[in-house]
Amino acid sequence: MALFAFVCADKPGHLNVRMDTRPAHVEHLNALNASGVLKMAGPFLDSDGKPNGSLVIVEAETIEEARSIADADPYTKAGLFQSVEVRAFNWVFNKPEA
């Protein structure tokens, strides 16, 4: 198993899509968390403190599996994101299991 980070940027002017889809997104993340796949997640914030992207870190066997997890997110399905970058991640400092 390996860690993968999803670095997601919202489309400009799509805060309403984020807010409307948030309950389904949180439910999705709660399911990933319950299964042990989700390691951490949270929004990026703009200069006004409003969410404008997401950082999600998951554990998966392959980058393809990680990409399918990213694609299944309700935010992705709703067309919120301008871009989603999936990258292998090495959690070195302050890792909870360490």
PDB file of N, CA and C in Angstrom:
ATOM      1  N   MET A   1       0.851  -1.191   0.000  1.00  0.00           N
ATOM      2  CA  MET A   1       0.000   0.000   0.000  1.00  0.00           C
ATOM      3  C   MET A   1       0.889   1.244   0.000  1.00  0.00           C
ATOM      4  N   ALA A   2       0.378   2.285  -0.627  1.00  0.00           N
ATOM      5  CA  ALA A   2       1.106   3.550  -0.730  1.00  0.00           C
ATOM      6  C   ALA A   2       0.134   4.696  -0.495  1.00  0.00           C
ATOM      7  N   LEU A   3       0.692   5.853  -0.193  1.00  0.00           N
ATOM      8  CA  LEU A   3      -0.122   7.050  -0.010  1.00  0.00           C
ATOM      9  C   LEU A   3      -0.138   7.866  -1.294  1.00  0.00           C
ATOM     10  N   PHE A   4      -1.295   8.481  -1.561  1.00  0.00           N
ATOM     11  CA  PHE A   4      -1.462   9.344  -2.718  1.00  0.00           C
ATOM     12  C   PHE A   4      -2.202  10.602  -2.281  1.00  0.00           C
ATOM     13  N   ALA A   5      -1.734  11.747  -2.779  1.00  0.00           N
ATOM     14  CA  ALA A   5      -2.362  13.033  -2.476  1.00  0.00           C
ATOM     15  C   ALA A   5      -3.139  13.501  -3.693  1.00  0.00           C
ATOM     16  N   PHE A   6      -4.355  13.955  -3.451  1.00  0.00           N
ATOM     17  CA  PHE A   6      -5.164  14.596  -4.483  1.00  0.00           C
ATOM     18  C   PHE A   6      -5.083  16.096  -4.223  1.00  0.00           C
ATOM     19  N   VAL A   7      -4.538  16.827  -5.169  1.00  0.00           N
ATOM     20  CA  VAL A   7      -4.461  18.283  -5.075  1.00  0.00           C
ATOM     21  C   VAL A   7      -5.479  18.812  -6.077  1.00  0.00           C
ATOM     22  N   CYS A   8      -6.576  19.339  -5.541  1.00  0.00           N
ATOM     23  CA  CYS A   8      -7.729  19.715  -6.367  1.00  0.00           C
ATOM     24  C   CYS A   8      -7.946  21.221  -6.315  1.00  0.00           C
ATOM     25  N   ALA A   9      -8.122  21.820  -7.479  1.00  0.00           N
ATOM     26  CA  ALA A   9      -8.413  23.250  -7.577  1.00  0.00           C
ATOM     27  C   ALA A   9      -9.841  23.422  -8.092  1.00  0.00           C
ATOM     28  N   ASP A  10     -10.628  24.216  -7.373  1.00  0.00           N
ATOM     29  CA  ASP A  10     -12.002  24.487  -7.801  1.00  0.00           C
ATOM     30  C   ASP A  10     -12.021  25.374  -9.038  1.00  0.00           C
ATOM     31  N   LYS A  11     -13.059  25.214  -9.851  1.00  0.00           N
ATOM     32  CA  LYS A  11     -13.300  26.142 -10.946  1.00  0.00           C
ATOM     33  C   LYS A  11     -13.694  27.484 -10.332  1.00  0.00           C
ATOM     34  N   PRO A  12     -13.222  28.590 -10.883  1.00  0.00           N
ATOM     35  CA  PRO A  12     -13.630  29.903 -10.367  1.00  0.00           C
ATOM     36  C   PRO A  12     -15.155  30.051 -10.412  1.00  0.00           C
ATOM     37  N   GLY A  13     -15.703  30.683  -9.374  1.00  0.00           N
ATOM     38  CA  GLY A  13     -17.141  30.947  -9.338  1.00  0.00           C
ATOM     39  C   GLY A  13     -17.994  29.720  -9.060  1.00  0.00           C
ATOM     40  N   HIS A  14     -17.410  28.659  -8.521  1.00  0.00           N
ATOM     41  CA  HIS A  14     -18.155  27.420  -8.278  1.00  0.00           C
ATOM     42  C   HIS A  14     -18.364  27.119  -6.791  1.00  0.00           C
ATOM     43  N   LEU A  15     -18.276  28.149  -5.941  1.00  0.00           N
ATOM     44  CA  LEU A  15     -18.489  27.918  -4.509  1.00  0.00           C
ATOM     45  C   LEU A  15     -19.867  27.324  -4.249  1.00  0.00           C
ATOM     46  N   ASN A  16     -20.863  27.741  -5.027  1.00  0.00           N
ATOM     47  CA  ASN A  16     -22.218  27.198  -4.839  1.00  0.00           C
ATOM     48  C   ASN A  16     -22.250  25.701  -5.134  1.00  0.00           C
ATOM     49  N   VAL A  17     -21.495  25.234  -6.126  1.00  0.00           N
ATOM     50  CA  VAL A  17     -21.423  23.799  -6.429  1.00  0.00           C
ATOM     51  C   VAL A  17     -20.797  23.062  -5.252  1.00  0.00           C
ATOM     52  N   ARG A  18     -19.729  23.639  -4.695  1.00  0.00           N
ATOM     53  CA  ARG A  18     -19.070  23.038  -3.535  1.00  0.00           C
ATOM     54  C   ARG A  18     -20.065  22.923  -2.373  1.00  0.00           C
ATOM     55  N   MET A  19     -20.771  23.985  -2.067  1.00  0.00           N
ATOM     56  CA  MET A  19     -21.659  23.989  -0.906  1.00  0.00           C
ATOM     57  C   MET A  19     -22.849  23.045  -1.123  1.00  0.00           C
ATOM     58  N   ASP A  20     -23.404  23.036  -2.346  1.00  0.00           N
ATOM     59  CA  ASP A  20     -24.541  22.162  -2.646  1.00  0.00           C
ATOM     60  C   ASP A  20     -24.155  20.687  -2.584  1.00  0.00           C
ATOM     61  N   THR A  21     -22.917  20.376  -2.943  1.00  0.00           N
ATOM     62  CA  THR A  21     -22.458  18.988  -3.031  1.00  0.00           C
ATOM     63  C   THR A  21     -21.775  18.525  -1.745  1.00  0.00           C
ATOM     64  N   ARG A  22     -21.519  19.442  -0.824  1.00  0.00           N
ATOM     65  CA  ARG A  22     -20.743  19.125   0.369  1.00  0.00           C
ATOM     66  C   ARG A  22     -21.307  17.949   1.177  1.00  0.00           C
ATOM     67  N   PRO A  23     -22.620  17.843   1.431  1.00  0.00           N
ATOM     68  CA  PRO A  23     -23.104  16.696   2.215  1.00  0.00           C
ATOM     69  C   PRO A  23     -22.737  15.346   1.593  1.00  0.00           C
ATOM     70  N   ALA A  24     -22.866  15.221   0.272  1.00  0.00           N
ATOM     71  CA  ALA A  24     -22.510  13.968  -0.401  1.00  0.00           C
ATOM     72  C   ALA A  24     -20.998  13.738  -0.351  1.00  0.00           C
ATOM     73  N   HIS A  25     -20.225  14.817  -0.479  1.00  0.00           N
ATOM     74  CA  HIS A  25     -18.762  14.732  -0.397  1.00  0.00           C
ATOM     75  C   HIS A  25     -18.337  14.243   0.988  1.00  0.00           C
ATOM     76  N   VAL A  26     -18.905  14.825   2.031  1.00  0.00           N
ATOM     77  CA  VAL A  26     -18.565  14.429   3.404  1.00  0.00           C
ATOM     78  C   VAL A  26     -18.964  12.975   3.655  1.00  0.00           C
ATOM     79  N   GLU A  27     -20.111  12.568   3.159  1.00  0.00           N
ATOM     80  CA  GLU A  27     -20.540  11.171   3.288  1.00  0.00           C
ATOM     81  C   GLU A  27     -19.537  10.238   2.597  1.00  0.00           C
ATOM     82  N   HIS A  28     -19.080  10.625   1.421  1.00  0.00           N
ATOM     83  CA  HIS A  28     -18.077   9.856   0.675  1.00  0.00           C
ATOM     84  C   HIS A  28     -16.787   9.737   1.486  1.00  0.00           C
ATOM     85  N   LEU A  29     -16.311  10.859   2.030  1.00  0.00           N
ATOM     86  CA  LEU A  29     -15.083  10.830   2.823  1.00  0.00           C
ATOM     87  C   LEU A  29     -15.265  10.033   4.106  1.00  0.00           C
ATOM     88  N   ASN A  30     -16.427  10.124   4.731  1.00  0.00           N
ATOM     89  CA  ASN A  30     -16.687   9.328   5.936  1.00  0.00           C
ATOM     90  C   ASN A  30     -16.605   7.835   5.632  1.00  0.00           C
ATOM     91  N   ALA A  31     -17.110   7.414   4.471  1.00  0.00           N
ATOM     92  CA  ALA A  31     -17.039   6.002   4.076  1.00  0.00           C
ATOM     93  C   ALA A  31     -15.582   5.592   3.836  1.00  0.00           C
ATOM     94  N   LEU A  32     -14.813   6.451   3.176  1.00  0.00           N
ATOM     95  CA  LEU A  32     -13.391   6.151   2.968  1.00  0.00           C
ATOM     96  C   LEU A  32     -12.652   6.082   4.303  1.00  0.00           C
ATOM     97  N   ASN A  33     -13.013   6.954   5.217  1.00  0.00           N
ATOM     98  CA  ASN A  33     -12.386   6.970   6.533  1.00  0.00           C
ATOM     99  C   ASN A  33     -12.712   5.692   7.300  1.00  0.00           C
ATOM    100  N   ALA A  34     -13.969   5.273   7.268  1.00  0.00           N
ATOM    101  CA  ALA A  34     -14.395   4.073   7.982  1.00  0.00           C
ATOM    102  C   ALA A  34     -13.681   2.827   7.458  1.00  0.00           C
ATOM    103  N   SER A  35     -13.356   2.822   6.168  1.00  0.00           N
ATOM    104  CA  SER A  35     -12.680   1.666   5.582  1.00  0.00           C
ATOM    105  C   SER A  35     -11.157   1.743   5.716  1.00  0.00           C
ATOM    106  N   GLY A  36     -10.641   2.834   6.297  1.00  0.00           N
ATOM    107  CA  GLY A  36      -9.207   2.973   6.501  1.00  0.00           C
ATOM    108  C   GLY A  36      -8.447   3.529   5.308  1.00  0.00           C
ATOM    109  N   VAL A  37      -9.158   3.893   4.240  1.00  0.00           N
ATOM    110  CA  VAL A  37      -8.522   4.405   3.023  1.00  0.00           C
ATOM    111  C   VAL A  37      -8.099   5.865   3.180  1.00  0.00           C
ATOM    112  N   LEU A  38      -8.952   6.677   3.799  1.00  0.00           N
ATOM    113  CA  LEU A  38      -8.686   8.115   3.957  1.00  0.00           C
ATOM    114  C   LEU A  38      -7.693   8.338   5.092  1.00  0.00           C
ATOM    115  N   LYS A  39      -6.660   9.108   4.813  1.00  0.00           N
ATOM    116  CA  LYS A  39      -5.674   9.448   5.833  1.00  0.00           C
ATOM    117  C   LYS A  39      -5.860  10.872   6.341  1.00  0.00           C
ATOM    118  N   MET A  40      -6.208  11.800   5.459  1.00  0.00           N
ATOM    119  CA  MET A  40      -6.520  13.174   5.863  1.00  0.00           C
ATOM    120  C   MET A  40      -7.173  13.898   4.705  1.00  0.00           C
ATOM    121  N   ALA A  41      -7.898  14.952   5.019  1.00  0.00           N
ATOM    122  CA  ALA A  41      -8.551  15.735   3.968  1.00  0.00           C
ATOM    123  C   ALA A  41      -8.961  17.088   4.520  1.00  0.00           C
ATOM    124  N   GLY A  42      -9.042  18.053   3.624  1.00  0.00           N
ATOM    125  CA  GLY A  42      -9.522  19.375   3.993  1.00  0.00           C
ATOM    126  C   GLY A  42      -9.448  20.315   2.817  1.00  0.00           C
ATOM    127  N   PRO A  43     -10.120  21.465   2.934  1.00  0.00           N
ATOM    128  CA  PRO A  43     -10.140  22.423   1.826  1.00  0.00           C
ATOM    129  C   PRO A  43      -8.948  23.373   1.857  1.00  0.00           C
ATOM    130  N   PHE A  44      -8.560  23.827   0.669  1.00  0.00           N
ATOM    131  CA  PHE A  44      -7.687  24.986   0.551  1.00  0.00           C
ATOM    132  C   PHE A  44      -8.587  26.210   0.686  1.00  0.00           C
ATOM    133  N   LEU A  45      -8.026  27.322   1.156  1.00  0.00           N
ATOM    134  CA  LEU A  45      -8.811  28.535   1.384  1.00  0.00           C
ATOM    135  C   LEU A  45      -8.237  29.690   0.581  1.00  0.00           C
ATOM    136  N   ASP A  46      -9.130  30.551   0.092  1.00  0.00           N
ATOM    137  CA  ASP A  46      -8.681  31.751  -0.604  1.00  0.00           C
ATOM    138  C   ASP A  46      -8.372  32.847   0.417  1.00  0.00           C
ATOM    139  N   SER A  47      -8.031  34.026  -0.056  1.00  0.00           N
ATOM    140  CA  SER A  47      -7.635  35.122   0.836  1.00  0.00           C
ATOM    141  C   SER A  47      -8.780  35.599   1.720  1.00  0.00           C
ATOM    142  N   ASP A  48     -10.021  35.272   1.359  1.00  0.00           N
ATOM    143  CA  ASP A  48     -11.178  35.618   2.183  1.00  0.00           C
ATOM    144  C   ASP A  48     -11.574  34.486   3.130  1.00  0.00           C
ATOM    145  N   GLY A  49     -10.800  33.388   3.131  1.00  0.00           N
ATOM    146  CA  GLY A  49     -11.104  32.254   3.995  1.00  0.00           C
ATOM    147  C   GLY A  49     -12.176  31.329   3.448  1.00  0.00           C
ATOM    148  N   LYS A  50     -12.524  31.488   2.177  1.00  0.00           N
ATOM    149  CA  LYS A  50     -13.532  30.625   1.550  1.00  0.00           C
ATOM    150  C   LYS A  50     -12.832  29.461   0.850  1.00  0.00           C
ATOM    151  N   PRO A  51     -13.438  28.255   0.885  1.00  0.00           N
ATOM    152  CA  PRO A  51     -12.798  27.116   0.242  1.00  0.00           C
ATOM    153  C   PRO A  51     -12.707  27.296  -1.271  1.00  0.00           C
ATOM    154  N   ASN A  52     -11.545  26.894  -1.818  1.00  0.00           N
ATOM    155  CA  ASN A  52     -11.349  27.012  -3.267  1.00  0.00           C
ATOM    156  C   ASN A  52     -10.575  25.825  -3.847  1.00  0.00           C
ATOM    157  N   GLY A  53     -10.543  24.739  -3.111  1.00  0.00           N
ATOM    158  CA  GLY A  53      -9.857  23.535  -3.555  1.00  0.00           C
ATOM    159  C   GLY A  53      -9.827  22.527  -2.425  1.00  0.00           C
ATOM    160  N   SER A  54      -9.182  21.396  -2.665  1.00  0.00           N
ATOM    161  CA  SER A  54      -9.126  20.340  -1.654  1.00  0.00           C
ATOM    162  C   SER A  54      -7.783  19.646  -1.676  1.00  0.00           C
ATOM    163  N   LEU A  55      -7.380  19.170  -0.505  1.00  0.00           N
ATOM    164  CA  LEU A  55      -6.252  18.261  -0.364  1.00  0.00           C
ATOM    165  C   LEU A  55      -6.799  17.006   0.299  1.00  0.00           C
ATOM    166  N   VAL A  56      -6.640  15.869  -0.365  1.00  0.00           N
ATOM    167  CA  VAL A  56      -7.113  14.589   0.154  1.00  0.00           C
ATOM    168  C   VAL A  56      -5.949  13.620   0.044  1.00  0.00           C
ATOM    169  N   ILE A  57      -5.661  12.904   1.130  1.00  0.00           N
ATOM    170  CA  ILE A  57      -4.615  11.883   1.100  1.00  0.00           C
ATOM    171  C   ILE A  57      -5.243  10.545   1.429  1.00  0.00           C
ATOM    172  N   VAL A  58      -5.012   9.581   0.514  1.00  0.00           N
ATOM    173  CA  VAL A  58      -5.575   8.245   0.666  1.00  0.00           C
ATOM    174  C   VAL A  58      -4.467   7.205   0.575  1.00  0.00           C
ATOM    175  N   GLU A  59      -4.795   6.008   1.038  1.00  0.00           N
ATOM    176  CA  GLU A  59      -3.899   4.863   0.887  1.00  0.00           C
ATOM    177  C   GLU A  59      -4.508   3.940  -0.165  1.00  0.00           C
ATOM    178  N   ALA A  60      -3.699   3.534  -1.135  1.00  0.00           N
ATOM    179  CA  ALA A  60      -4.173   2.675  -2.219  1.00  0.00           C
ATOM    180  C   ALA A  60      -3.023   1.797  -2.697  1.00  0.00           C
ATOM    181  N   GLU A  61      -3.368   0.756  -3.438  1.00  0.00           N
ATOM    182  CA  GLU A  61      -2.356  -0.160  -3.982  1.00  0.00           C
ATOM    183  C   GLU A  61      -1.571   0.480  -5.123  1.00  0.00           C
ATOM    184  N   THR A  62      -2.285   1.211  -6.000  1.00  0.00           N
ATOM    185  CA  THR A  62      -1.663   1.779  -7.198  1.00  0.00           C
ATOM    186  C   THR A  62      -2.192   3.189  -7.435  1.00  0.00           C
ATOM    187  N   ILE A  63      -1.490   3.925  -8.279  1.00  0.00           N
ATOM    188  CA  ILE A  63      -1.963   5.263  -8.626  1.00  0.00           C
ATOM    189  C   ILE A  63      -3.275   5.184  -9.403  1.00  0.00           C
ATOM    190  N   GLU A  64      -3.476   4.111 -10.161  1.00  0.00           N
ATOM    191  CA  GLU A  64      -4.737   3.936 -10.888  1.00  0.00           C
ATOM    192  C   GLU A  64      -5.901   3.774  -9.909  1.00  0.00           C
ATOM    193  N   GLU A  65      -5.671   3.005  -8.843  1.00  0.00           N
ATOM    194  CA  GLU A  65      -6.705   2.854  -7.815  1.00  0.00           C
ATOM    195  C   GLU A  65      -6.976   4.195  -7.141  1.00  0.00           C
ATOM    196  N   ALA A  66      -5.912   4.945  -6.862  1.00  0.00           N
ATOM    197  CA  ALA A  66      -6.077   6.270  -6.257  1.00  0.00           C
ATOM    198  C   ALA A  66      -6.880   7.185  -7.175  1.00  0.00           C
ATOM    199  N   ARG A  67      -6.584   7.142  -8.479  1.00  0.00           N
ATOM    200  CA  ARG A  67      -7.329   7.976  -9.433  1.00  0.00           C
ATOM    201  C   ARG A  67      -8.809   7.603  -9.458  1.00  0.00           C
ATOM    202  N   SER A  68      -9.117   6.315  -9.337  1.00  0.00           N
ATOM    203  CA  SER A  68     -10.527   5.908  -9.337  1.00  0.00           C
ATOM    204  C   SER A  68     -11.223   6.397  -8.067  1.00  0.00           C
ATOM    205  N   ILE A  69     -10.495   6.459  -6.957  1.00  0.00           N
ATOM    206  CA  ILE A  69     -11.059   7.018  -5.723  1.00  0.00           C
ATOM    207  C   ILE A  69     -11.346   8.506  -5.925  1.00  0.00           C
ATOM    208  N   ALA A  70     -10.410   9.221  -6.532  1.00  0.00           N
ATOM    209  CA  ALA A  70     -10.601  10.654  -6.800  1.00  0.00           C
ATOM    210  C   ALA A  70     -11.786  10.873  -7.739  1.00  0.00           C
ATOM    211  N   ASP A  71     -11.905  10.033  -8.760  1.00  0.00           N
ATOM    212  CA  ASP A  71     -12.994  10.168  -9.729  1.00  0.00           C
ATOM    213  C   ASP A  71     -14.367   9.902  -9.109  1.00  0.00           C
ATOM    214  N   ALA A  72     -14.399   9.107  -8.035  1.00  0.00           N
ATOM    215  CA  ALA A  72     -15.667   8.755  -7.386  1.00  0.00           C
ATOM    216  C   ALA A  72     -16.172   9.842  -6.439  1.00  0.00           C
ATOM    217  N   ASP A  73     -15.345  10.839  -6.150  1.00  0.00           N
ATOM    218  CA  ASP A  73     -15.742  11.899  -5.221  1.00  0.00           C
ATOM    219  C   ASP A  73     -16.908  12.691  -5.806  1.00  0.00           C
ATOM    220  N   PRO A  74     -17.951  12.936  -5.016  1.00  0.00           N
ATOM    221  CA  PRO A  74     -19.081  13.733  -5.500  1.00  0.00           C
ATOM    222  C   PRO A  74     -18.674  15.111  -6.031  1.00  0.00           C
ATOM    223  N   TYR A  75     -17.631  15.717  -5.479  1.00  0.00           N
ATOM    224  CA  TYR A  75     -17.164  16.996  -6.010  1.00  0.00           C
ATOM    225  C   TYR A  75     -16.676  16.832  -7.449  1.00  0.00           C
ATOM    226  N   THR A  76     -15.936  15.756  -7.710  1.00  0.00           N
ATOM    227  CA  THR A  76     -15.461  15.494  -9.073  1.00  0.00           C
ATOM    228  C   THR A  76     -16.647  15.272  -9.998  1.00  0.00           C
ATOM    229  N   LYS A  77     -17.586  14.444  -9.568  1.00  0.00           N
ATOM    230  CA  LYS A  77     -18.756  14.129 -10.396  1.00  0.00           C
ATOM    231  C   LYS A  77     -19.612  15.360 -10.677  1.00  0.00           C
ATOM    232  N   ALA A  78     -19.630  16.308  -9.727  1.00  0.00           N
ATOM    233  CA  ALA A  78     -20.431  17.527  -9.898  1.00  0.00           C
ATOM    234  C   ALA A  78     -19.740  18.566 -10.778  1.00  0.00           C
ATOM    235  N   GLY A  79     -18.504  18.296 -11.179  1.00  0.00           N
ATOM    236  CA  GLY A  79     -17.791  19.247 -12.031  1.00  0.00           C
ATOM    237  C   GLY A  79     -17.208  20.428 -11.272  1.00  0.00           C
ATOM    238  N   LEU A  80     -16.969  20.265  -9.959  1.00  0.00           N
ATOM    239  CA  LEU A  80     -16.436  21.362  -9.149  1.00  0.00           C
ATOM    240  C   LEU A  80     -14.996  21.703  -9.521  1.00  0.00           C
ATOM    241  N   PHE A  81     -14.207  20.690  -9.805  1.00  0.00           N
ATOM    242  CA  PHE A  81     -12.769  20.907  -9.921  1.00  0.00           C
ATOM    243  C   PHE A  81     -12.322  21.331 -11.319  1.00  0.00           C
ATOM    244  N   GLN A  82     -11.466  22.337 -11.342  1.00  0.00           N
ATOM    245  CA  GLN A  82     -10.787  22.758 -12.559  1.00  0.00           C
ATOM    246  C   GLN A  82      -9.680  21.758 -12.881  1.00  0.00           C
ATOM    247  N   SER A  83      -9.032  21.239 -11.825  1.00  0.00           N
ATOM    248  CA  SER A  83      -7.970  20.251 -12.004  1.00  0.00           C
ATOM    249  C   SER A  83      -7.886  19.361 -10.778  1.00  0.00           C
ATOM    250  N   VAL A  84      -7.477  18.120 -11.008  1.00  0.00           N
ATOM    251  CA  VAL A  84      -7.214  17.163  -9.927  1.00  0.00           C
ATOM    252  C   VAL A  84      -5.890  16.496 -10.260  1.00  0.00           C
ATOM    253  N   GLU A  85      -4.909  16.740  -9.416  1.00  0.00           N
ATOM    254  CA  GLU A  85      -3.602  16.120  -9.590  1.00  0.00           C
ATOM    255  C   GLU A  85      -3.494  15.003  -8.557  1.00  0.00           C
ATOM    256  N   VAL A  86      -3.184  13.788  -8.998  1.00  0.00           N
ATOM    257  CA  VAL A  86      -2.995  12.645  -8.101  1.00  0.00           C
ATOM    258  C   VAL A  86      -1.506  12.326  -8.106  1.00  0.00           C
ATOM    259  N   ARG A  87      -0.900  12.404  -6.910  1.00  0.00           N
ATOM    260  CA  ARG A  87       0.551  12.231  -6.809  1.00  0.00           C
ATOM    261  C   ARG A  87       0.883  11.289  -5.669  1.00  0.00           C
ATOM    262  N   ALA A  88       1.900  10.445  -5.880  1.00  0.00           N
ATOM    263  CA  ALA A  88       2.418   9.611  -4.798  1.00  0.00           C
ATOM    264  C   ALA A  88       2.928  10.540  -3.700  1.00  0.00           C
ATOM    265  N   PHE A  89       2.734  10.128  -2.441  1.00  0.00           N
ATOM    266  CA  PHE A  89       3.051  10.992  -1.300  1.00  0.00           C
ATOM    267  C   PHE A  89       3.772  10.178  -0.237  1.00  0.00           C
ATOM    268  N   ASN A  90       4.812  10.755   0.337  1.00  0.00           N
ATOM    269  CA  ASN A  90       5.557  10.122   1.427  1.00  0.00           C
ATOM    270  C   ASN A  90       5.392  10.978   2.674  1.00  0.00           C
ATOM    271  N   TRP A  91       4.601  10.496   3.631  1.00  0.00           N
ATOM    272  CA  TRP A  91       4.319  11.223   4.878  1.00  0.00           C
ATOM    273  C   TRP A  91       5.473  10.969   5.833  1.00  0.00           C
ATOM    274  N   VAL A  92       6.337  11.976   6.011  1.00  0.00           N
ATOM    275  CA  VAL A  92       7.537  11.812   6.821  1.00  0.00           C
ATOM    276  C   VAL A  92       7.350  12.357   8.234  1.00  0.00           C
ATOM    277  N   PHE A  93       6.935  13.603   8.379  1.00  0.00           N
ATOM    278  CA  PHE A  93       6.838  14.234   9.689  1.00  0.00           C
ATOM    279  C   PHE A  93       5.418  14.189  10.237  1.00  0.00           C
ATOM    280  N   ASN A  94       5.302  13.914  11.520  1.00  0.00           N
ATOM    281  CA  ASN A  94       4.041  13.929  12.268  1.00  0.00           C
ATOM    282  C   ASN A  94       3.017  12.918  11.746  1.00  0.00           C
ATOM    283  N   LYS A  95       3.494  11.838  11.180  1.00  0.00           N
ATOM    284  CA  LYS A  95       2.594  10.780  10.730  1.00  0.00           C
ATOM    285  C   LYS A  95       2.012  10.102  11.967  1.00  0.00           C
ATOM    286  N   PRO A  96       0.688   9.993  12.053  1.00  0.00           N
ATOM    287  CA  PRO A  96       0.076   9.455  13.272  1.00  0.00           C
ATOM    288  C   PRO A  96       0.575   8.066  13.678  1.00  0.00           C
ATOM    289  N   GLU A  97       0.866   7.177  12.716  1.00  0.00           N
ATOM    290  CA  GLU A  97       1.289   5.831  13.059  1.00  0.00           C
ATOM    291  C   GLU A  97       2.739   5.761  13.509  1.00  0.00           C
ATOM    292  N   ALA A  98       3.514   6.836  13.262  1.00  0.00           N
ATOM    293  CA  ALA A  98       4.951   6.808  13.545  1.00  0.00           C
ATOM    294  C   ALA A  98       5.249   6.818  15.040  1.00  0.00           C
TER     295      ALA A  98
END
